[in-house]
Amino acid sequence: MSEVVAAGDYATARVAGGLVFTAGMTPRAHGGVLDPGRVEEVGAARARELAGLAASRAVTAAHEAAVAAGFSLDSAVSLTVYLRTAADFTGHSAIADGATETLRAALGGPAPARAAIGVTSLPAGAAVEVSAVFTTHG
């Protein structure tokens, strides 16, 4: 896992009460957002992949925060997926499934509780952004 760096004045993840809360994570590589644009512009299949990449960054940030606090990650209990879409878009769940699948592949366990929300803009023009809450042990 590589370190996740904040793009502003915030923590990428924080541990509180045995839980790890992540900041919003966009799909980034090499210092930039991958495939910026609306979900409709990047396509449903690619948007689903981007949601998975953003979720992978959330796992990395949560893992780093948990280890720094002396814990290990257990499972994801909550996931919020933001999708940059047109007002009439209705395929939120299919795109958000990419993030859920990534969390389950990384940590196992049941699917987290989830919200998938359409928005008009996201940081750096990203098509998707995710934030998650994880349980810890240790």
N, C-alpha and C. Protein backbone atom coordinates (compact mmCIF):
# COMPACT_ATOMS: atom_id res chain seq x y z
N MET A 1 0.84 -1.18 0.00
CA MET A 1 0.00 0.00 0.00
C MET A 1 0.89 1.24 0.00
N SER A 2 0.48 2.23 -0.77
CA SER A 2 1.24 3.47 -0.77
C SER A 2 0.50 4.52 0.03
N GLU A 3 1.24 5.49 0.52
CA GLU A 3 0.66 6.53 1.37
C GLU A 3 -0.34 7.38 0.58
N VAL A 4 -1.45 7.71 1.23
CA VAL A 4 -2.45 8.61 0.66
C VAL A 4 -2.21 9.99 1.25
N VAL A 5 -2.02 10.98 0.39
CA VAL A 5 -1.69 12.33 0.82
C VAL A 5 -2.92 13.23 0.63
N ALA A 6 -3.21 14.03 1.65
CA ALA A 6 -4.34 14.97 1.57
C ALA A 6 -4.06 16.06 0.55
N ALA A 7 -5.11 16.51 -0.12
CA ALA A 7 -5.00 17.58 -1.11
C ALA A 7 -5.29 18.94 -0.50
N GLY A 8 -5.41 19.01 0.82
CA GLY A 8 -5.71 20.26 1.51
C GLY A 8 -5.43 20.11 2.99
N ASP A 9 -6.03 20.99 3.79
CA ASP A 9 -5.81 21.02 5.23
C ASP A 9 -6.81 20.10 5.93
N TYR A 10 -6.59 18.80 5.81
CA TYR A 10 -7.44 17.81 6.46
C TYR A 10 -6.66 16.51 6.60
N ALA A 11 -7.15 15.65 7.47
CA ALA A 11 -6.57 14.31 7.62
C ALA A 11 -7.23 13.38 6.61
N THR A 12 -6.47 12.47 6.04
CA THR A 12 -7.07 11.51 5.11
C THR A 12 -7.90 10.47 5.85
N ALA A 13 -7.57 10.23 7.11
CA ALA A 13 -8.36 9.32 7.95
C ALA A 13 -8.07 9.63 9.41
N ARG A 14 -9.08 9.39 10.25
CA ARG A 14 -8.95 9.60 11.71
C ARG A 14 -9.54 8.42 12.44
N VAL A 15 -8.89 8.05 13.53
CA VAL A 15 -9.38 6.99 14.40
C VAL A 15 -10.07 7.63 15.59
N ALA A 16 -11.28 7.16 15.88
CA ALA A 16 -12.04 7.65 17.04
C ALA A 16 -12.95 6.53 17.52
N GLY A 17 -12.87 6.22 18.80
CA GLY A 17 -13.76 5.23 19.38
C GLY A 17 -13.65 3.86 18.73
N GLY A 18 -12.46 3.49 18.28
CA GLY A 18 -12.28 2.19 17.65
C GLY A 18 -12.73 2.12 16.21
N LEU A 19 -13.15 3.23 15.66
CA LEU A 19 -13.55 3.31 14.26
C LEU A 19 -12.56 4.17 13.49
N VAL A 20 -12.43 3.92 12.20
CA VAL A 20 -11.62 4.77 11.33
C VAL A 20 -12.56 5.43 10.33
N PHE A 21 -12.51 6.76 10.28
CA PHE A 21 -13.32 7.55 9.36
C PHE A 21 -12.40 8.11 8.29
N THR A 22 -12.73 7.92 7.02
CA THR A 22 -11.89 8.47 5.97
C THR A 22 -12.48 9.76 5.42
N ALA A 23 -11.58 10.58 4.90
CA ALA A 23 -12.00 11.76 4.13
C ALA A 23 -12.56 11.26 2.80
N GLY A 24 -13.12 12.15 2.03
CA GLY A 24 -13.55 11.79 0.69
C GLY A 24 -12.34 11.45 -0.16
N MET A 25 -12.40 10.34 -0.83
CA MET A 25 -11.30 9.88 -1.69
C MET A 25 -11.76 9.85 -3.13
N THR A 26 -10.99 10.48 -3.99
CA THR A 26 -11.25 10.44 -5.42
C THR A 26 -10.27 9.46 -6.07
N PRO A 27 -10.55 9.01 -7.26
CA PRO A 27 -9.62 8.10 -7.94
C PRO A 27 -8.43 8.88 -8.49
N ARG A 28 -7.28 8.74 -7.86
CA ARG A 28 -6.08 9.51 -8.23
C ARG A 28 -4.91 8.58 -8.50
N ALA A 29 -4.04 9.06 -9.36
CA ALA A 29 -2.76 8.39 -9.61
C ALA A 29 -1.80 9.44 -10.15
N HIS A 30 -0.55 9.33 -9.77
CA HIS A 30 0.50 10.23 -10.27
C HIS A 30 0.14 11.70 -10.06
N GLY A 31 -0.50 12.01 -8.92
CA GLY A 31 -0.80 13.38 -8.55
C GLY A 31 -2.03 13.98 -9.17
N GLY A 32 -2.80 13.22 -9.92
CA GLY A 32 -3.98 13.80 -10.55
C GLY A 32 -5.17 12.86 -10.52
N VAL A 33 -6.35 13.45 -10.75
CA VAL A 33 -7.59 12.67 -10.80
C VAL A 33 -7.64 11.92 -12.12
N LEU A 34 -8.02 10.65 -12.05
CA LEU A 34 -8.17 9.83 -13.24
C LEU A 34 -9.52 10.09 -13.90
N ASP A 35 -9.53 10.26 -15.18
CA ASP A 35 -10.75 10.39 -15.98
C ASP A 35 -11.78 11.36 -15.39
N PRO A 36 -11.41 12.64 -15.24
CA PRO A 36 -12.39 13.59 -14.72
C PRO A 36 -13.57 13.74 -15.68
N GLY A 37 -14.69 14.11 -15.13
CA GLY A 37 -15.90 14.32 -15.92
C GLY A 37 -17.10 13.72 -15.23
N ARG A 38 -18.25 13.89 -15.83
CA ARG A 38 -19.46 13.28 -15.29
C ARG A 38 -19.47 11.78 -15.58
N VAL A 39 -20.19 11.05 -14.77
CA VAL A 39 -20.31 9.61 -14.95
C VAL A 39 -20.75 9.28 -16.37
N GLU A 40 -21.68 10.02 -16.90
CA GLU A 40 -22.18 9.76 -18.25
C GLU A 40 -21.08 9.95 -19.30
N GLU A 41 -20.14 10.84 -19.03
CA GLU A 41 -19.04 11.11 -19.97
C GLU A 41 -17.98 10.02 -19.93
N VAL A 42 -17.67 9.52 -18.75
CA VAL A 42 -16.63 8.48 -18.63
C VAL A 42 -17.19 7.09 -18.90
N GLY A 43 -18.49 6.94 -18.83
CA GLY A 43 -19.15 5.66 -19.05
C GLY A 43 -19.35 4.89 -17.76
N ALA A 44 -20.42 4.13 -17.73
CA ALA A 44 -20.79 3.42 -16.49
C ALA A 44 -19.72 2.42 -16.07
N ALA A 45 -19.18 1.66 -17.00
CA ALA A 45 -18.18 0.65 -16.64
C ALA A 45 -16.92 1.31 -16.07
N ARG A 46 -16.46 2.39 -16.69
CA ARG A 46 -15.27 3.06 -16.18
C ARG A 46 -15.56 3.75 -14.85
N ALA A 47 -16.74 4.35 -14.70
CA ALA A 47 -17.11 4.99 -13.44
C ALA A 47 -17.12 3.97 -12.31
N ARG A 48 -17.59 2.77 -12.59
CA ARG A 48 -17.58 1.69 -11.59
C ARG A 48 -16.14 1.35 -11.19
N GLU A 49 -15.24 1.28 -12.17
CA GLU A 49 -13.82 1.05 -11.88
C GLU A 49 -13.23 2.19 -11.05
N LEU A 50 -13.59 3.42 -11.40
CA LEU A 50 -13.09 4.59 -10.67
C LEU A 50 -13.57 4.57 -9.23
N ALA A 51 -14.81 4.14 -9.01
CA ALA A 51 -15.33 4.01 -7.63
C ALA A 51 -14.50 3.00 -6.86
N GLY A 52 -14.11 1.91 -7.52
CA GLY A 52 -13.26 0.92 -6.88
C GLY A 52 -11.88 1.47 -6.55
N LEU A 53 -11.32 2.25 -7.45
CA LEU A 53 -10.01 2.87 -7.20
C LEU A 53 -10.08 3.85 -6.02
N ALA A 54 -11.14 4.63 -5.97
CA ALA A 54 -11.31 5.57 -4.86
C ALA A 54 -11.47 4.80 -3.54
N ALA A 55 -12.22 3.70 -3.57
CA ALA A 55 -12.40 2.88 -2.37
C ALA A 55 -11.07 2.26 -1.94
N SER A 56 -10.25 1.89 -2.89
CA SER A 56 -8.93 1.35 -2.56
C SER A 56 -8.08 2.38 -1.84
N ARG A 57 -8.17 3.63 -2.26
CA ARG A 57 -7.46 4.71 -1.56
C ARG A 57 -7.99 4.89 -0.15
N ALA A 58 -9.31 4.71 0.03
CA ALA A 58 -9.90 4.81 1.36
C ALA A 58 -9.37 3.70 2.27
N VAL A 59 -9.25 2.49 1.74
CA VAL A 59 -8.70 1.38 2.53
C VAL A 59 -7.27 1.69 2.93
N THR A 60 -6.48 2.21 2.00
CA THR A 60 -5.09 2.55 2.30
C THR A 60 -5.00 3.60 3.39
N ALA A 61 -5.79 4.67 3.27
CA ALA A 61 -5.77 5.73 4.28
C ALA A 61 -6.22 5.20 5.64
N ALA A 62 -7.26 4.37 5.64
CA ALA A 62 -7.77 3.81 6.90
C ALA A 62 -6.73 2.88 7.53
N HIS A 63 -6.09 2.08 6.71
CA HIS A 63 -5.05 1.17 7.22
C HIS A 63 -3.91 1.96 7.86
N GLU A 64 -3.45 3.01 7.17
CA GLU A 64 -2.36 3.83 7.71
C GLU A 64 -2.74 4.45 9.05
N ALA A 65 -3.96 4.98 9.15
CA ALA A 65 -4.41 5.60 10.39
C ALA A 65 -4.55 4.57 11.49
N ALA A 66 -5.10 3.41 11.17
CA ALA A 66 -5.28 2.35 12.16
C ALA A 66 -3.94 1.88 12.71
N VAL A 67 -3.00 1.62 11.83
CA VAL A 67 -1.67 1.15 12.25
C VAL A 67 -0.99 2.19 13.12
N ALA A 68 -1.09 3.47 12.73
CA ALA A 68 -0.47 4.54 13.52
C ALA A 68 -1.06 4.61 14.93
N ALA A 69 -2.32 4.20 15.08
CA ALA A 69 -2.98 4.22 16.39
C ALA A 69 -2.87 2.89 17.12
N GLY A 70 -2.16 1.92 16.53
CA GLY A 70 -1.97 0.63 17.18
C GLY A 70 -3.07 -0.38 16.94
N PHE A 71 -3.82 -0.21 15.86
CA PHE A 71 -4.93 -1.11 15.53
C PHE A 71 -4.71 -1.76 14.18
N SER A 72 -5.58 -2.71 13.86
CA SER A 72 -5.69 -3.29 12.53
C SER A 72 -7.12 -3.07 12.05
N LEU A 73 -7.31 -3.01 10.75
CA LEU A 73 -8.66 -2.85 10.20
C LEU A 73 -9.41 -4.17 10.26
N ASP A 74 -10.71 -4.10 10.55
CA ASP A 74 -11.59 -5.27 10.50
C ASP A 74 -12.39 -5.25 9.20
N SER A 75 -13.41 -4.40 9.17
CA SER A 75 -14.28 -4.36 8.00
C SER A 75 -14.85 -2.97 7.83
N ALA A 76 -15.40 -2.75 6.65
CA ALA A 76 -16.08 -1.48 6.37
C ALA A 76 -17.52 -1.60 6.85
N VAL A 77 -17.98 -0.63 7.62
CA VAL A 77 -19.36 -0.67 8.12
C VAL A 77 -20.25 0.36 7.44
N SER A 78 -19.64 1.39 6.84
CA SER A 78 -20.42 2.42 6.18
C SER A 78 -19.63 2.94 4.99
N LEU A 79 -20.34 3.22 3.91
CA LEU A 79 -19.73 3.71 2.68
C LEU A 79 -20.65 4.74 2.04
N THR A 80 -20.11 5.88 1.70
CA THR A 80 -20.86 6.89 0.95
C THR A 80 -20.14 7.10 -0.37
N VAL A 81 -20.88 6.99 -1.46
CA VAL A 81 -20.33 7.16 -2.80
C VAL A 81 -21.04 8.35 -3.44
N TYR A 82 -20.24 9.35 -3.82
CA TYR A 82 -20.75 10.53 -4.50
C TYR A 82 -20.46 10.39 -5.98
N LEU A 83 -21.46 10.62 -6.81
CA LEU A 83 -21.33 10.48 -8.25
C LEU A 83 -21.64 11.81 -8.92
N ARG A 84 -20.72 12.28 -9.73
CA ARG A 84 -20.94 13.51 -10.48
C ARG A 84 -21.76 13.15 -11.72
N THR A 85 -23.05 13.55 -11.68
CA THR A 85 -23.99 13.11 -12.71
C THR A 85 -24.93 14.24 -13.13
N ALA A 86 -25.62 13.99 -14.22
CA ALA A 86 -26.72 14.86 -14.64
C ALA A 86 -27.92 14.60 -13.72
N ALA A 87 -28.83 15.54 -13.68
CA ALA A 87 -29.97 15.46 -12.77
C ALA A 87 -30.85 14.24 -13.03
N ASP A 88 -30.90 13.75 -14.25
CA ASP A 88 -31.79 12.63 -14.56
C ASP A 88 -31.11 11.26 -14.48
N PHE A 89 -29.89 11.20 -14.00
CA PHE A 89 -29.17 9.93 -13.87
C PHE A 89 -29.81 9.08 -12.78
N THR A 90 -29.95 7.78 -13.02
CA THR A 90 -30.58 6.90 -12.02
C THR A 90 -29.79 5.62 -11.73
N GLY A 91 -28.59 5.46 -12.29
CA GLY A 91 -27.83 4.23 -12.13
C GLY A 91 -26.83 4.25 -10.99
N HIS A 92 -27.13 4.98 -9.93
CA HIS A 92 -26.19 5.15 -8.82
C HIS A 92 -25.68 3.84 -8.22
N SER A 93 -26.60 2.93 -7.94
CA SER A 93 -26.21 1.70 -7.24
C SER A 93 -25.23 0.86 -8.05
N ALA A 94 -25.43 0.76 -9.35
CA ALA A 94 -24.54 -0.05 -10.19
C ALA A 94 -23.12 0.50 -10.17
N ILE A 95 -22.97 1.81 -10.16
CA ILE A 95 -21.64 2.44 -10.10
C ILE A 95 -21.04 2.24 -8.71
N ALA A 96 -21.83 2.48 -7.67
CA ALA A 96 -21.35 2.36 -6.29
C ALA A 96 -20.95 0.94 -5.95
N ASP A 97 -21.52 -0.05 -6.63
CA ASP A 97 -21.13 -1.44 -6.39
C ASP A 97 -19.63 -1.66 -6.61
N GLY A 98 -19.01 -0.88 -7.49
CA GLY A 98 -17.57 -1.00 -7.70
C GLY A 98 -16.79 -0.71 -6.43
N ALA A 99 -17.24 0.27 -5.66
CA ALA A 99 -16.59 0.61 -4.39
C ALA A 99 -16.84 -0.48 -3.34
N THR A 100 -18.07 -0.95 -3.26
CA THR A 100 -18.41 -2.00 -2.30
C THR A 100 -17.60 -3.26 -2.57
N GLU A 101 -17.51 -3.65 -3.83
CA GLU A 101 -16.76 -4.86 -4.19
C GLU A 101 -15.29 -4.73 -3.81
N THR A 102 -14.72 -3.55 -3.99
CA THR A 102 -13.32 -3.34 -3.63
C THR A 102 -13.12 -3.46 -2.13
N LEU A 103 -14.01 -2.88 -1.34
CA LEU A 103 -13.89 -2.98 0.12
C LEU A 103 -14.00 -4.43 0.58
N ARG A 104 -14.94 -5.16 0.02
CA ARG A 104 -15.13 -6.55 0.42
C ARG A 104 -13.95 -7.41 -0.01
N ALA A 105 -13.37 -7.13 -1.17
CA ALA A 105 -12.20 -7.89 -1.63
C ALA A 105 -10.99 -7.61 -0.74
N ALA A 106 -10.87 -6.38 -0.30
CA ALA A 106 -9.71 -5.99 0.52
C ALA A 106 -9.82 -6.50 1.95
N LEU A 107 -11.03 -6.50 2.51
CA LEU A 107 -11.19 -6.79 3.94
C LEU A 107 -12.09 -7.98 4.26
N GLY A 108 -12.82 -8.46 3.28
CA GLY A 108 -13.78 -9.53 3.55
C GLY A 108 -14.97 -9.00 4.32
N GLY A 109 -15.77 -9.90 4.81
CA GLY A 109 -16.93 -9.51 5.61
C GLY A 109 -18.11 -9.10 4.77
N PRO A 110 -19.18 -8.73 5.45
CA PRO A 110 -20.40 -8.35 4.75
C PRO A 110 -20.26 -6.98 4.09
N ALA A 111 -21.16 -6.70 3.17
CA ALA A 111 -21.18 -5.39 2.53
C ALA A 111 -21.49 -4.31 3.57
N PRO A 112 -20.88 -3.12 3.42
CA PRO A 112 -21.19 -2.04 4.35
C PRO A 112 -22.57 -1.44 4.05
N ALA A 113 -23.12 -0.74 5.04
CA ALA A 113 -24.29 0.09 4.77
C ALA A 113 -23.81 1.17 3.80
N ARG A 114 -24.66 1.59 2.87
CA ARG A 114 -24.17 2.47 1.82
C ARG A 114 -25.20 3.48 1.37
N ALA A 115 -24.69 4.66 1.02
CA ALA A 115 -25.49 5.67 0.34
C ALA A 115 -24.77 6.01 -0.96
N ALA A 116 -25.52 6.17 -2.03
CA ALA A 116 -24.97 6.60 -3.31
C ALA A 116 -25.72 7.87 -3.70
N ILE A 117 -24.99 8.96 -3.86
CA ILE A 117 -25.58 10.28 -3.98
C ILE A 117 -25.09 10.97 -5.25
N GLY A 118 -25.99 11.48 -6.05
CA GLY A 118 -25.64 12.25 -7.24
C GLY A 118 -25.40 13.70 -6.88
N VAL A 119 -24.31 14.27 -7.42
CA VAL A 119 -23.95 15.66 -7.16
C VAL A 119 -23.55 16.33 -8.47
N THR A 120 -23.50 17.66 -8.45
CA THR A 120 -23.16 18.39 -9.68
C THR A 120 -21.67 18.61 -9.85
N SER A 121 -20.89 18.56 -8.77
CA SER A 121 -19.44 18.72 -8.91
C SER A 121 -18.72 18.00 -7.78
N LEU A 122 -17.46 17.63 -8.06
CA LEU A 122 -16.60 16.98 -7.08
C LEU A 122 -15.20 17.58 -7.21
N PRO A 123 -14.36 17.41 -6.19
CA PRO A 123 -13.02 17.98 -6.24
C PRO A 123 -12.25 17.57 -7.50
N ALA A 124 -11.58 18.52 -8.09
CA ALA A 124 -10.74 18.32 -9.28
C ALA A 124 -11.51 17.72 -10.46
N GLY A 125 -12.82 17.88 -10.46
CA GLY A 125 -13.62 17.38 -11.56
C GLY A 125 -13.82 15.88 -11.58
N ALA A 126 -13.54 15.21 -10.45
CA ALA A 126 -13.66 13.75 -10.38
C ALA A 126 -15.08 13.31 -10.70
N ALA A 127 -15.19 12.11 -11.28
CA ALA A 127 -16.50 11.54 -11.56
C ALA A 127 -17.11 10.89 -10.32
N VAL A 128 -16.24 10.41 -9.40
CA VAL A 128 -16.70 9.75 -8.18
C VAL A 128 -15.83 10.14 -7.00
N GLU A 129 -16.40 10.04 -5.83
CA GLU A 129 -15.68 10.24 -4.57
C GLU A 129 -16.31 9.32 -3.54
N VAL A 130 -15.50 8.71 -2.69
CA VAL A 130 -16.04 7.83 -1.66
C VAL A 130 -15.49 8.22 -0.29
N SER A 131 -16.26 7.98 0.75
CA SER A 131 -15.79 8.06 2.12
C SER A 131 -16.34 6.84 2.85
N ALA A 132 -15.60 6.37 3.84
CA ALA A 132 -15.98 5.13 4.50
C ALA A 132 -15.68 5.17 5.99
N VAL A 133 -16.34 4.28 6.71
CA VAL A 133 -16.08 4.07 8.13
C VAL A 133 -15.75 2.59 8.31
N PHE A 134 -14.67 2.33 9.05
CA PHE A 134 -14.17 0.98 9.25
C PHE A 134 -14.12 0.65 10.74
N THR A 135 -14.30 -0.61 11.08
CA THR A 135 -14.07 -1.08 12.44
C THR A 135 -12.61 -1.52 12.56
N THR A 136 -12.12 -1.55 13.80
CA THR A 136 -10.73 -1.96 14.05
C THR A 136 -10.70 -3.02 15.14
N HIS A 137 -9.54 -3.62 15.29
CA HIS A 137 -9.26 -4.51 16.43
C HIS A 137 -7.81 -4.35 16.81
N GLY A 138 -7.49 -4.79 17.99
CA GLY A 138 -6.10 -4.76 18.36
C GLY A 138 -5.83 -4.04 19.60
